[in-house]
Amino acid sequence: MGTSVRPRLSVYRSNKYIYAQLIDDFAGHTLASASSLEDGVTGETPTEESHSVGELLADRAQDEGVDKAVFDRSGYKYHGRVEALAEGAREGGLEL
């Protein structure tokens, strides 16, 4: 469960793309989101793109005043693209 102080970082991974949202479950609001479909995302491989998505999400979270989050991997294994997204968010300044 995510709160306004520590929202939930939810990950959705398809075969081609990856999406991430910071969600305040009590208020029912999405505070920030990022996906590999956006223009600011770079990387030659899907793993590098996922890392870039994590950094972009962390940057948007800091604009909203969020510096901590609860990581929700949505049942995916913590491996590959999901792990790269989490590492990118950590490097961007989010505490997971």
N, C-alpha and C. Protein backbone atom coordinates (compact mmCIF):
# COMPACT_ATOMS: atom_id res chain seq x y z
N MET A 1 0.84 -1.19 0.00
CA MET A 1 0.00 0.00 0.00
C MET A 1 0.88 1.24 0.00
N GLY A 2 0.52 2.17 -0.83
CA GLY A 2 1.26 3.41 -0.90
C GLY A 2 0.50 4.55 -0.23
N THR A 3 1.23 5.46 0.39
CA THR A 3 0.65 6.63 1.02
C THR A 3 1.19 7.87 0.30
N SER A 4 0.72 9.04 0.72
CA SER A 4 1.22 10.26 0.10
C SER A 4 2.67 10.51 0.47
N VAL A 5 3.09 10.03 1.64
CA VAL A 5 4.48 10.20 2.07
C VAL A 5 5.39 9.18 1.38
N ARG A 6 4.92 7.95 1.26
CA ARG A 6 5.70 6.89 0.62
C ARG A 6 4.78 6.14 -0.36
N PRO A 7 4.66 6.67 -1.59
CA PRO A 7 3.76 6.04 -2.56
C PRO A 7 4.30 4.71 -3.07
N ARG A 8 3.43 3.98 -3.75
CA ARG A 8 3.79 2.67 -4.32
C ARG A 8 4.30 2.88 -5.73
N LEU A 9 5.49 2.34 -6.03
CA LEU A 9 6.03 2.36 -7.38
C LEU A 9 5.60 1.07 -8.05
N SER A 10 4.60 1.16 -8.90
CA SER A 10 4.03 0.00 -9.56
C SER A 10 4.64 -0.15 -10.95
N VAL A 11 4.99 -1.38 -11.32
CA VAL A 11 5.63 -1.67 -12.60
C VAL A 11 4.72 -2.56 -13.44
N TYR A 12 4.59 -2.21 -14.73
CA TYR A 12 3.94 -3.09 -15.68
C TYR A 12 4.91 -3.31 -16.83
N ARG A 13 5.11 -4.56 -17.20
CA ARG A 13 6.07 -4.92 -18.23
C ARG A 13 5.34 -5.69 -19.32
N SER A 14 5.41 -5.19 -20.56
CA SER A 14 4.88 -5.96 -21.68
C SER A 14 6.07 -6.55 -22.44
N ASN A 15 5.81 -7.18 -23.56
CA ASN A 15 6.91 -7.76 -24.32
C ASN A 15 7.84 -6.70 -24.91
N LYS A 16 7.31 -5.52 -25.22
CA LYS A 16 8.11 -4.48 -25.87
C LYS A 16 8.42 -3.30 -24.97
N TYR A 17 7.53 -2.96 -24.06
CA TYR A 17 7.64 -1.71 -23.30
C TYR A 17 7.56 -1.98 -21.80
N ILE A 18 7.89 -0.92 -21.03
CA ILE A 18 7.77 -1.00 -19.57
C ILE A 18 7.17 0.32 -19.09
N TYR A 19 6.31 0.23 -18.10
CA TYR A 19 5.60 1.38 -17.56
C TYR A 19 5.78 1.39 -16.04
N ALA A 20 5.84 2.59 -15.46
CA ALA A 20 5.96 2.70 -14.00
C ALA A 20 5.12 3.88 -13.53
N GLN A 21 4.50 3.72 -12.36
CA GLN A 21 3.67 4.76 -11.77
C GLN A 21 3.96 4.86 -10.28
N LEU A 22 3.89 6.07 -9.77
CA LEU A 22 3.90 6.29 -8.32
C LEU A 22 2.46 6.56 -7.91
N ILE A 23 1.92 5.69 -7.05
CA ILE A 23 0.50 5.72 -6.73
C ILE A 23 0.30 5.93 -5.23
N ASP A 24 -0.56 6.88 -4.89
CA ASP A 24 -1.03 7.07 -3.51
C ASP A 24 -2.33 6.30 -3.39
N ASP A 25 -2.30 5.13 -2.77
CA ASP A 25 -3.46 4.25 -2.70
C ASP A 25 -4.58 4.80 -1.83
N PHE A 26 -4.25 5.56 -0.80
CA PHE A 26 -5.29 6.08 0.08
C PHE A 26 -6.12 7.15 -0.63
N ALA A 27 -5.46 8.02 -1.38
CA ALA A 27 -6.18 9.06 -2.11
C ALA A 27 -6.66 8.57 -3.47
N GLY A 28 -6.06 7.50 -3.97
CA GLY A 28 -6.45 6.98 -5.28
C GLY A 28 -5.92 7.82 -6.43
N HIS A 29 -4.73 8.40 -6.25
CA HIS A 29 -4.15 9.27 -7.27
C HIS A 29 -2.80 8.75 -7.74
N THR A 30 -2.52 8.97 -9.01
CA THR A 30 -1.19 8.71 -9.55
C THR A 30 -0.40 10.00 -9.44
N LEU A 31 0.73 9.96 -8.74
CA LEU A 31 1.53 11.15 -8.52
C LEU A 31 2.48 11.42 -9.68
N ALA A 32 3.04 10.37 -10.26
CA ALA A 32 3.96 10.52 -11.39
C ALA A 32 3.97 9.21 -12.16
N SER A 33 4.32 9.31 -13.44
CA SER A 33 4.41 8.10 -14.25
C SER A 33 5.46 8.29 -15.33
N ALA A 34 5.94 7.18 -15.86
CA ALA A 34 6.92 7.18 -16.95
C ALA A 34 6.81 5.86 -17.69
N SER A 35 7.16 5.89 -18.98
CA SER A 35 7.15 4.66 -19.76
C SER A 35 8.23 4.71 -20.82
N SER A 36 8.52 3.56 -21.39
CA SER A 36 9.56 3.48 -22.41
C SER A 36 9.07 4.03 -23.75
N LEU A 37 7.83 4.44 -23.85
CA LEU A 37 7.29 5.04 -25.07
C LEU A 37 7.59 6.53 -25.18
N GLU A 38 8.07 7.15 -24.10
CA GLU A 38 8.28 8.59 -24.08
C GLU A 38 9.56 8.99 -24.79
N ASP A 39 9.63 10.26 -25.19
CA ASP A 39 10.77 10.77 -25.95
C ASP A 39 12.04 10.86 -25.12
N GLY A 40 11.96 11.12 -23.82
CA GLY A 40 13.14 11.29 -22.99
C GLY A 40 13.84 10.00 -22.61
N VAL A 41 13.34 8.88 -23.07
CA VAL A 41 13.89 7.57 -22.71
C VAL A 41 14.90 7.14 -23.77
N THR A 42 16.11 6.81 -23.31
CA THR A 42 17.16 6.38 -24.23
C THR A 42 17.64 5.00 -23.86
N GLY A 43 18.31 4.35 -24.79
CA GLY A 43 18.87 3.03 -24.53
C GLY A 43 18.75 2.17 -25.77
N GLU A 44 19.77 1.38 -26.00
CA GLU A 44 19.77 0.51 -27.17
C GLU A 44 19.07 -0.82 -26.91
N THR A 45 19.10 -1.27 -25.67
CA THR A 45 18.46 -2.54 -25.32
C THR A 45 17.27 -2.25 -24.41
N PRO A 46 16.33 -3.19 -24.30
CA PRO A 46 15.19 -2.98 -23.40
C PRO A 46 15.62 -2.77 -21.93
N THR A 47 16.70 -3.40 -21.52
CA THR A 47 17.18 -3.22 -20.15
C THR A 47 17.68 -1.80 -19.94
N GLU A 48 18.41 -1.25 -20.91
CA GLU A 48 18.89 0.13 -20.80
C GLU A 48 17.73 1.11 -20.82
N GLU A 49 16.70 0.83 -21.63
CA GLU A 49 15.51 1.67 -21.64
C GLU A 49 14.81 1.64 -20.29
N SER A 50 14.73 0.48 -19.67
CA SER A 50 14.10 0.36 -18.36
C SER A 50 14.84 1.16 -17.31
N HIS A 51 16.15 1.15 -17.37
CA HIS A 51 16.97 1.94 -16.45
C HIS A 51 16.67 3.43 -16.64
N SER A 52 16.55 3.85 -17.88
CA SER A 52 16.24 5.24 -18.19
C SER A 52 14.85 5.62 -17.71
N VAL A 53 13.89 4.71 -17.81
CA VAL A 53 12.53 4.96 -17.31
C VAL A 53 12.57 5.17 -15.80
N GLY A 54 13.35 4.36 -15.08
CA GLY A 54 13.48 4.53 -13.64
C GLY A 54 14.05 5.88 -13.26
N GLU A 55 15.07 6.33 -14.00
CA GLU A 55 15.66 7.63 -13.73
C GLU A 55 14.67 8.76 -14.01
N LEU A 56 13.92 8.63 -15.11
CA LEU A 56 12.92 9.63 -15.46
C LEU A 56 11.82 9.70 -14.41
N LEU A 57 11.37 8.56 -13.93
CA LEU A 57 10.35 8.53 -12.89
C LEU A 57 10.86 9.16 -11.60
N ALA A 58 12.10 8.88 -11.24
CA ALA A 58 12.68 9.46 -10.03
C ALA A 58 12.76 10.98 -10.14
N ASP A 59 13.09 11.47 -11.33
CA ASP A 59 13.15 12.92 -11.55
C ASP A 59 11.77 13.54 -11.39
N ARG A 60 10.76 12.90 -11.94
CA ARG A 60 9.39 13.42 -11.82
C ARG A 60 8.89 13.32 -10.39
N ALA A 61 9.32 12.29 -9.67
CA ALA A 61 8.92 12.14 -8.27
C ALA A 61 9.51 13.27 -7.43
N GLN A 62 10.74 13.64 -7.70
CA GLN A 62 11.35 14.72 -6.95
C GLN A 62 10.65 16.05 -7.23
N ASP A 63 10.14 16.23 -8.45
CA ASP A 63 9.36 17.42 -8.75
C ASP A 63 8.08 17.47 -7.93
N GLU A 64 7.54 16.32 -7.58
CA GLU A 64 6.33 16.22 -6.76
C GLU A 64 6.64 16.24 -5.26
N GLY A 65 7.92 16.24 -4.90
CA GLY A 65 8.31 16.24 -3.50
C GLY A 65 8.37 14.87 -2.87
N VAL A 66 8.50 13.82 -3.67
CA VAL A 66 8.55 12.45 -3.18
C VAL A 66 10.00 11.96 -3.26
N ASP A 67 10.52 11.45 -2.14
CA ASP A 67 11.89 10.92 -2.16
C ASP A 67 11.96 9.46 -1.69
N LYS A 68 10.83 8.90 -1.24
CA LYS A 68 10.77 7.50 -0.81
C LYS A 68 9.58 6.83 -1.47
N ALA A 69 9.72 5.54 -1.75
CA ALA A 69 8.61 4.79 -2.36
C ALA A 69 8.70 3.34 -1.94
N VAL A 70 7.57 2.64 -2.08
CA VAL A 70 7.49 1.21 -1.85
C VAL A 70 7.48 0.55 -3.21
N PHE A 71 8.38 -0.39 -3.47
CA PHE A 71 8.49 -1.00 -4.78
C PHE A 71 7.51 -2.15 -4.92
N ASP A 72 6.65 -2.08 -5.93
CA ASP A 72 5.67 -3.12 -6.23
C ASP A 72 6.02 -3.69 -7.60
N ARG A 73 6.59 -4.88 -7.61
CA ARG A 73 7.03 -5.48 -8.88
C ARG A 73 5.90 -6.18 -9.61
N SER A 74 4.70 -6.14 -9.06
CA SER A 74 3.49 -6.68 -9.70
C SER A 74 3.60 -8.15 -10.08
N GLY A 75 4.29 -8.92 -9.29
CA GLY A 75 4.40 -10.35 -9.54
C GLY A 75 5.51 -10.74 -10.48
N TYR A 76 6.17 -9.76 -11.11
CA TYR A 76 7.30 -10.08 -11.99
C TYR A 76 8.52 -10.40 -11.14
N LYS A 77 9.38 -11.26 -11.65
CA LYS A 77 10.62 -11.55 -10.94
C LYS A 77 11.50 -10.31 -10.91
N TYR A 78 12.21 -10.14 -9.81
CA TYR A 78 13.13 -9.02 -9.68
C TYR A 78 14.40 -9.37 -10.45
N HIS A 79 14.31 -9.21 -11.76
CA HIS A 79 15.38 -9.65 -12.65
C HIS A 79 15.24 -8.88 -13.96
N GLY A 80 16.32 -8.63 -14.64
CA GLY A 80 16.28 -8.02 -15.96
C GLY A 80 15.74 -6.62 -15.97
N ARG A 81 14.66 -6.40 -16.74
CA ARG A 81 14.12 -5.05 -16.92
C ARG A 81 13.51 -4.48 -15.65
N VAL A 82 12.88 -5.31 -14.84
CA VAL A 82 12.29 -4.84 -13.59
C VAL A 82 13.39 -4.39 -12.63
N GLU A 83 14.45 -5.16 -12.54
CA GLU A 83 15.59 -4.79 -11.70
C GLU A 83 16.25 -3.51 -12.21
N ALA A 84 16.39 -3.37 -13.52
CA ALA A 84 17.01 -2.18 -14.11
C ALA A 84 16.19 -0.93 -13.81
N LEU A 85 14.86 -1.05 -13.86
CA LEU A 85 14.01 0.09 -13.54
C LEU A 85 14.20 0.51 -12.09
N ALA A 86 14.25 -0.45 -11.18
CA ALA A 86 14.44 -0.14 -9.76
C ALA A 86 15.80 0.50 -9.52
N GLU A 87 16.84 -0.01 -10.16
CA GLU A 87 18.18 0.57 -10.01
C GLU A 87 18.23 1.99 -10.57
N GLY A 88 17.56 2.22 -11.70
CA GLY A 88 17.51 3.56 -12.27
C GLY A 88 16.79 4.54 -11.36
N ALA A 89 15.71 4.08 -10.73
CA ALA A 89 14.99 4.94 -9.78
C ALA A 89 15.85 5.26 -8.58
N ARG A 90 16.61 4.28 -8.10
CA ARG A 90 17.51 4.53 -6.97
C ARG A 90 18.60 5.52 -7.34
N GLU A 91 19.19 5.34 -8.53
CA GLU A 91 20.23 6.26 -8.98
C GLU A 91 19.68 7.66 -9.23
N GLY A 92 18.39 7.75 -9.56
CA GLY A 92 17.76 9.04 -9.77
C GLY A 92 17.42 9.76 -8.49
N GLY A 93 17.50 9.08 -7.35
CA GLY A 93 17.27 9.72 -6.06
C GLY A 93 16.13 9.18 -5.25
N LEU A 94 15.41 8.19 -5.75
CA LEU A 94 14.32 7.59 -4.95
C LEU A 94 14.88 6.55 -4.00
N GLU A 95 14.37 6.51 -2.80
CA GLU A 95 14.74 5.49 -1.84
C GLU A 95 13.68 4.39 -1.87
N LEU A 96 14.07 3.21 -2.32
CA LEU A 96 13.13 2.08 -2.39
C LEU A 96 13.39 1.10 -1.28
